[in-house]
Each structure stands twice: as structure tokens, then as C-alpha cells.
Amino acid sequence: MRKITIAIDGFSSTGKSTLAKQLAKQLEYVYVDTGAMYRAVAYFAMQHQYIGADFFYKKALIEALPKIQLEFKFNPDLGFAEMYLNGENVEKPIRTIEVSSFVSKVAEVSEVRSKLVEQQQEMGTNKAIVMDGRDIGTVVFPNAELKIFMTASAETRAQRRFDELQQKGDNVSYEEVLKNVEERDYLDTHREDSPLVIAEDAIEIDNSYLSKDEQFQAVLELVEDIVKTA
């Protein structure tokens, strides 16, 4: 059966990773969460005091990039790969609201994007891959056979993210999460290097009122149509 590249882009908290994981499992494809890669770099910057509420030492982070080793390791108990930073499993700490508040600023740095895009393109050399992020269909895999762009209202996305953080036991307010979502939207769409835009040949899906299963089935049908026409 023909193997293809599936690129999933969209705003934060639209469920890109959930959809990508579902597709990868169903198709037996490799799944790559590029957002986790940027989160890991942001987490590294926080650990080394390169970024904070009122400072960002970009030059120091750029100089430290060769010291950042990122790797995905499959966890059979979870059914997907987890993010490792310099040999340490950082899947949980990179998902905090604090990391979320810095990740878009880190992702603006051209040197960071260049390093990660190179790694991402290498991962997709043999196709049979599902990758989600902000610039997958426009920069990483502009020739992907299927490009999806996911969106939903900021309020809907904030509520989803708030519920997720509450389930994890994080002490955070809905207003704080909504502010974070709106700030990330602005930064993602206004950065000079690879801003978040819809690829011309991408299929836009507003999942504000779609269940996870409805969304999955709709995209799976798109995949099957493309594979059949090979």
C-alpha cells in the first residue's frame, strides 16, 4: 500500500496531537509531535535561566543549541513516543502552563527553527509519517500528500486546555489559560520566521463542535481517498 506524508497544522489546543496519534496508530505510521520539540527547547531555556517573565537571552540559547539533544522514545504502555531532552524524559514537565507561556517566543528564534526543521525533515525521509505543528505543511513538508489545518474558537480551545490541566492537578484559572491561548495565537501568526498560515492546498477543519471520533473518521476518509488514487 502506498505510504504518504500527513502534515497537521493549526492553532494551539486544537487537538492536533490527539488526531495525529490516532492516525499513526490506525495506519501504523511514525508519529512526530513537533510541538514537544519546541517545548523541550523552551524547557531547556528555562532550566538554564535563558528565559523568564521579563527576560530572554536569545544569544545564549542560540549558542547552547549544540548541547540540546532531542529524541522520541516509544512507550509501549502509553502507545506513543515520549519526548526526551538530553537523555531525560521530559514529557510531563514540558506540558505545563509555564512552558506554554514561553514556547512561542522560543519558536520565533530562526536558529531554533532551523535546527528542529532539519531534524523533522530527516525523520520524514521514508514517508509513512504523521507530523503535527505550526509549519509542517508550509515549511517542513511542503509536498505532503495530505495537509490538514485545524482550528476552533479561542474560548473553546482554552476550555479544553483548562480541563486537561485540571485533570493533571495543575492549579490554574480559565482566564489564565485563555490569555495564554490568545497570546500564543498572536505570536504564532506574527513571527517573521515561518508564521502560522494555512497552506494553499490544506484542508481546513474547524472542530469546535466535532467529537474526537467524528474528526478522526473524517480525516481517515481523506487519507483513504488519497491512498486509493495512487
C-alpha atoms as a PDB file:
ATOM      1  CA  MET A   1       0.000   0.000   0.000  1.00  0.00           C
ATOM      2  CA  ARG A   2       1.204   3.481  -0.840  1.00  0.00           C
ATOM      3  CA  LYS A   3       2.806   5.357   2.054  1.00  0.00           C
ATOM      4  CA  ILE A   4       2.188   9.079   2.343  1.00  0.00           C
ATOM      5  CA  THR A   5       3.186  12.055   4.476  1.00  0.00           C
ATOM      6  CA  ILE A   6       0.443  13.623   6.588  1.00  0.00           C
ATOM      7  CA  ALA A   7       1.031  17.194   7.787  1.00  0.00           C
ATOM      8  CA  ILE A   8      -1.247  18.575  10.501  1.00  0.00           C
ATOM      9  CA  ASP A   9      -1.006  22.266  11.351  1.00  0.00           C
ATOM     10  CA  GLY A  10      -3.197  24.579  13.367  1.00  0.00           C
ATOM     11  CA  PHE A  11      -3.631  26.749  16.410  1.00  0.00           C
ATOM     12  CA  SER A  12      -2.703  25.631  19.914  1.00  0.00           C
ATOM     13  CA  SER A  13      -5.065  23.289  21.761  1.00  0.00           C
ATOM     14  CA  THR A  14      -6.997  22.211  18.667  1.00  0.00           C
ATOM     15  CA  GLY A  15      -6.242  18.556  19.294  1.00  0.00           C
ATOM     16  CA  LYS A  16      -3.580  18.192  16.615  1.00  0.00           C
ATOM     17  CA  SER A  17      -1.548  15.710  18.633  1.00  0.00           C
ATOM     18  CA  THR A  18      -4.591  13.617  19.543  1.00  0.00           C
ATOM     19  CA  LEU A  19      -5.613  13.332  15.899  1.00  0.00           C
ATOM     20  CA  ALA A  20      -2.061  12.630  14.764  1.00  0.00           C
ATOM     21  CA  LYS A  21      -1.672   9.842  17.331  1.00  0.00           C
ATOM     22  CA  GLN A  22      -4.962   8.271  16.249  1.00  0.00           C
ATOM     23  CA  LEU A  23      -3.946   8.311  12.588  1.00  0.00           C
ATOM     24  CA  ALA A  24      -0.457   6.987  13.256  1.00  0.00           C
ATOM     25  CA  LYS A  25      -1.849   4.084  15.285  1.00  0.00           C
ATOM     26  CA  GLN A  26      -4.514   3.225  12.708  1.00  0.00           C
ATOM     27  CA  LEU A  27      -2.122   3.443   9.745  1.00  0.00           C
ATOM     28  CA  GLU A  28       0.916   2.070  11.609  1.00  0.00           C
ATOM     29  CA  TYR A  29       2.815   5.261  10.740  1.00  0.00           C
ATOM     30  CA  VAL A  30       5.503   7.102  12.679  1.00  0.00           C
ATOM     31  CA  TYR A  31       4.114   9.976  14.746  1.00  0.00           C
ATOM     32  CA  VAL A  32       6.175  13.084  15.476  1.00  0.00           C
ATOM     33  CA  ASP A  33       4.958  15.803  17.856  1.00  0.00           C
ATOM     34  CA  THR A  34       6.971  18.827  16.734  1.00  0.00           C
ATOM     35  CA  GLY A  35       5.336  20.948  19.419  1.00  0.00           C
ATOM     36  CA  ALA A  36       7.007  18.736  22.010  1.00  0.00           C
ATOM     37  CA  MET A  37      10.356  19.501  20.399  1.00  0.00           C
ATOM     38  CA  TYR A  38       9.851  23.262  20.744  1.00  0.00           C
ATOM     39  CA  ARG A  39       8.513  22.783  24.255  1.00  0.00           C
ATOM     40  CA  ALA A  40      11.648  20.816  25.157  1.00  0.00           C
ATOM     41  CA  VAL A  41      13.875  23.649  23.912  1.00  0.00           C
ATOM     42  CA  ALA A  42      11.792  26.158  25.893  1.00  0.00           C
ATOM     43  CA  TYR A  43      12.102  23.932  28.971  1.00  0.00           C
ATOM     44  CA  PHE A  44      15.882  23.783  28.461  1.00  0.00           C
ATOM     45  CA  ALA A  45      15.970  27.597  28.219  1.00  0.00           C
ATOM     46  CA  MET A  46      14.012  27.893  31.458  1.00  0.00           C
ATOM     47  CA  GLN A  47      16.279  25.435  33.263  1.00  0.00           C
ATOM     48  CA  HIS A  48      19.362  27.402  32.251  1.00  0.00           C
ATOM     49  CA  GLN A  49      17.877  30.827  33.035  1.00  0.00           C
ATOM     50  CA  TYR A  50      17.855  31.916  29.396  1.00  0.00           C
ATOM     51  CA  ILE A  51      14.209  32.945  29.532  1.00  0.00           C
ATOM     52  CA  GLY A  52      11.850  34.252  32.189  1.00  0.00           C
ATOM     53  CA  ALA A  53       8.864  36.507  32.712  1.00  0.00           C
ATOM     54  CA  ASP A  54      10.821  39.665  31.924  1.00  0.00           C
ATOM     55  CA  PHE A  55      13.942  38.486  30.065  1.00  0.00           C
ATOM     56  CA  PHE A  56      15.041  36.341  27.132  1.00  0.00           C
ATOM     57  CA  TYR A  57      18.730  35.833  26.388  1.00  0.00           C
ATOM     58  CA  LYS A  58      18.372  34.653  22.800  1.00  0.00           C
ATOM     59  CA  LYS A  59      22.104  34.713  22.047  1.00  0.00           C
ATOM     60  CA  ALA A  60      22.838  32.429  24.991  1.00  0.00           C
ATOM     61  CA  LEU A  61      20.170  29.967  23.848  1.00  0.00           C
ATOM     62  CA  ILE A  62      21.471  30.002  20.279  1.00  0.00           C
ATOM     63  CA  GLU A  63      25.000  29.299  21.486  1.00  0.00           C
ATOM     64  CA  ALA A  64      23.692  26.411  23.599  1.00  0.00           C
ATOM     65  CA  LEU A  65      21.767  24.723  20.753  1.00  0.00           C
ATOM     66  CA  PRO A  66      24.562  22.179  20.031  1.00  0.00           C
ATOM     67  CA  LYS A  67      24.136  20.964  23.631  1.00  0.00           C
ATOM     68  CA  ILE A  68      20.444  20.179  23.097  1.00  0.00           C
ATOM     69  CA  GLN A  69      19.784  16.576  22.084  1.00  0.00           C
ATOM     70  CA  LEU A  70      16.165  15.679  21.376  1.00  0.00           C
ATOM     71  CA  GLU A  71      14.819  12.171  20.931  1.00  0.00           C
ATOM     72  CA  PHE A  72      11.453  10.430  20.799  1.00  0.00           C
ATOM     73  CA  LYS A  73      11.280   7.077  22.594  1.00  0.00           C
ATOM     74  CA  PHE A  74       8.268   4.823  22.165  1.00  0.00           C
ATOM     75  CA  ASN A  75       6.443   3.960  25.390  1.00  0.00           C
ATOM     76  CA  PRO A  76       4.557   0.668  24.851  1.00  0.00           C
ATOM     77  CA  ASP A  77       2.398   1.264  27.924  1.00  0.00           C
ATOM     78  CA  LEU A  78       1.126   4.575  26.538  1.00  0.00           C
ATOM     79  CA  GLY A  79       1.125   3.564  22.890  1.00  0.00           C
ATOM     80  CA  PHE A  80       3.100   6.604  21.669  1.00  0.00           C
ATOM     81  CA  ALA A  81       6.587   8.091  21.796  1.00  0.00           C
ATOM     82  CA  GLU A  82       7.630  10.437  24.593  1.00  0.00           C
ATOM     83  CA  MET A  83       9.978  13.413  24.414  1.00  0.00           C
ATOM     84  CA  TYR A  84      13.493  13.051  25.817  1.00  0.00           C
ATOM     85  CA  LEU A  85      15.819  16.015  26.371  1.00  0.00           C
ATOM     86  CA  ASN A  86      19.474  15.088  26.761  1.00  0.00           C
ATOM     87  CA  GLY A  87      18.500  11.588  27.843  1.00  0.00           C
ATOM     88  CA  GLU A  88      15.818  12.697  30.335  1.00  0.00           C
ATOM     89  CA  ASN A  89      12.101  12.015  29.894  1.00  0.00           C
ATOM     90  CA  VAL A  90      10.519  15.477  29.924  1.00  0.00           C
ATOM     91  CA  GLU A  91       7.080  14.553  28.589  1.00  0.00           C
ATOM     92  CA  LYS A  92       5.316  15.781  31.756  1.00  0.00           C
ATOM     93  CA  PRO A  93       7.219  19.000  32.628  1.00  0.00           C
ATOM     94  CA  ILE A  94       7.061  20.362  29.067  1.00  0.00           C
ATOM     95  CA  ARG A  95       3.233  20.311  29.172  1.00  0.00           C
ATOM     96  CA  THR A  96       2.883  22.857  31.989  1.00  0.00           C
ATOM     97  CA  ILE A  97       1.275  26.285  31.570  1.00  0.00           C
ATOM     98  CA  GLU A  98       4.649  27.867  32.412  1.00  0.00           C
ATOM     99  CA  VAL A  99       6.358  26.205  29.460  1.00  0.00           C
ATOM    100  CA  SER A 100       3.350  27.096  27.295  1.00  0.00           C
ATOM    101  CA  SER A 101       3.889  30.765  28.133  1.00  0.00           C
ATOM    102  CA  PHE A 102       7.429  30.694  26.682  1.00  0.00           C
ATOM    103  CA  VAL A 103       7.287  28.171  23.840  1.00  0.00           C
ATOM    104  CA  SER A 104       6.043  30.576  21.137  1.00  0.00           C
ATOM    105  CA  LYS A 105       8.801  33.072  21.995  1.00  0.00           C
ATOM    106  CA  VAL A 106      11.431  30.338  21.705  1.00  0.00           C
ATOM    107  CA  ALA A 107       9.886  29.125  18.448  1.00  0.00           C
ATOM    108  CA  GLU A 108      10.333  32.626  16.991  1.00  0.00           C
ATOM    109  CA  VAL A 109      14.118  32.226  17.041  1.00  0.00           C
ATOM    110  CA  SER A 110      15.258  31.384  13.500  1.00  0.00           C
ATOM    111  CA  GLU A 111      18.226  29.333  14.667  1.00  0.00           C
ATOM    112  CA  VAL A 112      15.958  27.158  16.805  1.00  0.00           C
ATOM    113  CA  ARG A 113      13.519  26.611  13.937  1.00  0.00           C
ATOM    114  CA  SER A 114      16.352  25.789  11.537  1.00  0.00           C
ATOM    115  CA  LYS A 115      17.775  23.151  13.882  1.00  0.00           C
ATOM    116  CA  LEU A 116      14.419  21.486  14.510  1.00  0.00           C
ATOM    117  CA  VAL A 117      13.126  21.658  10.927  1.00  0.00           C
ATOM    118  CA  GLU A 118      16.277  19.892   9.735  1.00  0.00           C
ATOM    119  CA  GLN A 119      15.658  17.092  12.248  1.00  0.00           C
ATOM    120  CA  GLN A 120      11.973  16.877  11.316  1.00  0.00           C
ATOM    121  CA  GLN A 121      12.668  16.613   7.582  1.00  0.00           C
ATOM    122  CA  GLU A 122      15.164  13.858   8.236  1.00  0.00           C
ATOM    123  CA  MET A 123      12.529  11.943  10.227  1.00  0.00           C
ATOM    124  CA  GLY A 124      10.187  12.028   7.239  1.00  0.00           C
ATOM    125  CA  THR A 125      12.613  10.798   4.589  1.00  0.00           C
ATOM    126  CA  ASN A 126      10.818   7.464   4.155  1.00  0.00           C
ATOM    127  CA  LYS A 127       7.269   8.865   4.359  1.00  0.00           C
ATOM    128  CA  ALA A 128       4.692   6.814   6.369  1.00  0.00           C
ATOM    129  CA  ILE A 129       4.740   9.651   8.902  1.00  0.00           C
ATOM    130  CA  VAL A 130       2.204  11.862  10.666  1.00  0.00           C
ATOM    131  CA  MET A 131       3.619  15.125  11.933  1.00  0.00           C
ATOM    132  CA  ASP A 132       1.802  17.971  13.662  1.00  0.00           C
ATOM    133  CA  GLY A 133       2.901  21.501  14.443  1.00  0.00           C
ATOM    134  CA  ARG A 134       2.689  25.044  13.099  1.00  0.00           C
ATOM    135  CA  ASP A 135       4.636  24.943   9.831  1.00  0.00           C
ATOM    136  CA  ILE A 136       4.572  21.305   8.743  1.00  0.00           C
ATOM    137  CA  GLY A 137       2.582  21.780   5.534  1.00  0.00           C
ATOM    138  CA  THR A 138       4.250  25.073   4.622  1.00  0.00           C
ATOM    139  CA  VAL A 139       7.908  24.579   5.586  1.00  0.00           C
ATOM    140  CA  VAL A 140       8.781  21.086   6.809  1.00  0.00           C
ATOM    141  CA  PHE A 141       6.822  19.047   4.249  1.00  0.00           C
ATOM    142  CA  PRO A 142       5.504  21.421   1.556  1.00  0.00           C
ATOM    143  CA  ASN A 143       4.988  18.407  -0.735  1.00  0.00           C
ATOM    144  CA  ALA A 144       2.996  16.345   1.769  1.00  0.00           C
ATOM    145  CA  GLU A 145       0.216  14.359   0.115  1.00  0.00           C
ATOM    146  CA  LEU A 146      -2.281  15.391   2.802  1.00  0.00           C
ATOM    147  CA  LYS A 147      -2.283  18.692   4.677  1.00  0.00           C
ATOM    148  CA  ILE A 148      -4.764  19.415   7.438  1.00  0.00           C
ATOM    149  CA  PHE A 149      -5.221  22.784   9.164  1.00  0.00           C
ATOM    150  CA  MET A 150      -7.121  22.620  12.447  1.00  0.00           C
ATOM    151  CA  THR A 151      -8.879  25.495  14.134  1.00  0.00           C
ATOM    152  CA  ALA A 152     -11.502  26.282  16.785  1.00  0.00           C
ATOM    153  CA  SER A 153     -12.531  29.366  18.746  1.00  0.00           C
ATOM    154  CA  ALA A 154     -10.068  30.626  21.348  1.00  0.00           C
ATOM    155  CA  GLU A 155     -12.683  30.126  24.070  1.00  0.00           C
ATOM    156  CA  THR A 156     -13.292  26.507  23.065  1.00  0.00           C
ATOM    157  CA  ARG A 157      -9.578  25.760  22.967  1.00  0.00           C
ATOM    158  CA  ALA A 158      -8.972  27.448  26.309  1.00  0.00           C
ATOM    159  CA  GLN A 159     -11.728  25.382  27.922  1.00  0.00           C
ATOM    160  CA  ARG A 160     -10.214  22.159  26.557  1.00  0.00           C
ATOM    161  CA  ARG A 161      -6.769  23.112  27.785  1.00  0.00           C
ATOM    162  CA  PHE A 162      -8.124  24.212  31.179  1.00  0.00           C
ATOM    163  CA  ASP A 163      -9.945  20.892  31.636  1.00  0.00           C
ATOM    164  CA  GLU A 164      -6.798  18.985  30.690  1.00  0.00           C
ATOM    165  CA  LEU A 165      -4.649  20.895  33.177  1.00  0.00           C
ATOM    166  CA  GLN A 166      -7.265  20.490  35.906  1.00  0.00           C
ATOM    167  CA  GLN A 167      -7.257  16.728  35.380  1.00  0.00           C
ATOM    168  CA  LYS A 168      -3.489  16.767  35.836  1.00  0.00           C
ATOM    169  CA  GLY A 169      -3.876  18.631  39.108  1.00  0.00           C
ATOM    170  CA  ASP A 170      -2.414  21.933  37.903  1.00  0.00           C
ATOM    171  CA  ASN A 171      -3.620  24.974  39.836  1.00  0.00           C
ATOM    172  CA  VAL A 172      -4.555  27.366  37.049  1.00  0.00           C
ATOM    173  CA  SER A 173      -7.571  29.551  36.209  1.00  0.00           C
ATOM    174  CA  TYR A 174      -9.586  29.516  32.969  1.00  0.00           C
ATOM    175  CA  GLU A 175      -8.800  33.214  32.450  1.00  0.00           C
ATOM    176  CA  GLU A 176      -5.072  32.485  32.678  1.00  0.00           C
ATOM    177  CA  VAL A 177      -5.365  29.699  30.123  1.00  0.00           C
ATOM    178  CA  LEU A 178      -7.442  31.838  27.740  1.00  0.00           C
ATOM    179  CA  LYS A 179      -4.872  34.634  27.946  1.00  0.00           C
ATOM    180  CA  ASN A 180      -2.111  32.138  27.167  1.00  0.00           C
ATOM    181  CA  VAL A 181      -4.033  30.767  24.161  1.00  0.00           C
ATOM    182  CA  GLU A 182      -4.639  34.248  22.755  1.00  0.00           C
ATOM    183  CA  GLU A 183      -1.024  35.314  23.284  1.00  0.00           C
ATOM    184  CA  ARG A 184       0.281  32.163  21.576  1.00  0.00           C
ATOM    185  CA  ASP A 185      -2.095  32.728  18.655  1.00  0.00           C
ATOM    186  CA  TYR A 186      -0.716  36.226  18.173  1.00  0.00           C
ATOM    187  CA  LEU A 187       2.932  35.171  18.420  1.00  0.00           C
ATOM    188  CA  ASP A 188       2.450  32.143  16.173  1.00  0.00           C
ATOM    189  CA  THR A 189       0.773  34.154  13.413  1.00  0.00           C
ATOM    190  CA  HIS A 190       3.013  37.237  13.609  1.00  0.00           C
ATOM    191  CA  ARG A 191       6.548  35.840  13.868  1.00  0.00           C
ATOM    192  CA  GLU A 192       8.859  36.693  10.973  1.00  0.00           C
ATOM    193  CA  ASP A 193      10.214  33.170  10.506  1.00  0.00           C
ATOM    194  CA  SER A 194       7.643  30.595   9.358  1.00  0.00           C
ATOM    195  CA  PRO A 195       4.472  32.163  10.798  1.00  0.00           C
ATOM    196  CA  LEU A 196       1.394  30.012  11.268  1.00  0.00           C
ATOM    197  CA  VAL A 197      -0.563  30.188   7.993  1.00  0.00           C
ATOM    198  CA  ILE A 198      -2.826  27.836   6.090  1.00  0.00           C
ATOM    199  CA  ALA A 199      -1.056  26.117   3.198  1.00  0.00           C
ATOM    200  CA  GLU A 200      -2.823  26.780  -0.106  1.00  0.00           C
ATOM    201  CA  ASP A 201      -3.624  23.091  -0.576  1.00  0.00           C
ATOM    202  CA  ALA A 202      -4.525  22.358   3.054  1.00  0.00           C
ATOM    203  CA  ILE A 203      -7.971  21.186   4.138  1.00  0.00           C
ATOM    204  CA  GLU A 204      -9.264  23.335   6.995  1.00  0.00           C
ATOM    205  CA  ILE A 205     -11.193  21.651   9.794  1.00  0.00           C
ATOM    206  CA  ASP A 206     -12.993  23.664  12.462  1.00  0.00           C
ATOM    207  CA  ASN A 207     -13.501  21.159  15.261  1.00  0.00           C
ATOM    208  CA  SER A 208     -15.314  23.476  17.683  1.00  0.00           C
ATOM    209  CA  TYR A 209     -18.340  21.188  17.560  1.00  0.00           C
ATOM    210  CA  LEU A 210     -16.784  17.900  16.465  1.00  0.00           C
ATOM    211  CA  SER A 211     -16.089  14.959  18.735  1.00  0.00           C
ATOM    212  CA  LYS A 212     -12.662  13.344  18.599  1.00  0.00           C
ATOM    213  CA  ASP A 213     -14.147  10.328  16.829  1.00  0.00           C
ATOM    214  CA  GLU A 214     -16.012  12.426  14.251  1.00  0.00           C
ATOM    215  CA  GLN A 215     -12.848  14.331  13.475  1.00  0.00           C
ATOM    216  CA  PHE A 216     -10.768  11.150  13.230  1.00  0.00           C
ATOM    217  CA  GLN A 217     -13.212   9.432  10.885  1.00  0.00           C
ATOM    218  CA  ALA A 218     -13.410  12.486   8.613  1.00  0.00           C
ATOM    219  CA  VAL A 219      -9.627  12.715   8.235  1.00  0.00           C
ATOM    220  CA  LEU A 220      -9.232   8.937   7.894  1.00  0.00           C
ATOM    221  CA  GLU A 221     -11.574   9.059   4.903  1.00  0.00           C
ATOM    222  CA  LEU A 222      -9.365  11.733   3.333  1.00  0.00           C
ATOM    223  CA  VAL A 223      -6.303   9.517   3.834  1.00  0.00           C
ATOM    224  CA  GLU A 224      -8.028   6.504   2.314  1.00  0.00           C
ATOM    225  CA  ASP A 225      -9.140   8.536  -0.728  1.00  0.00           C
ATOM    226  CA  ILE A 226      -5.564   9.647  -1.368  1.00  0.00           C
ATOM    227  CA  VAL A 227      -4.128   6.159  -0.956  1.00  0.00           C
ATOM    228  CA  LYS A 228      -6.760   4.684  -3.306  1.00  0.00           C
ATOM    229  CA  THR A 229      -5.909   7.147  -6.076  1.00  0.00           C
ATOM    230  CA  ALA A 230      -2.224   6.099  -6.076  1.00  0.00           C
END
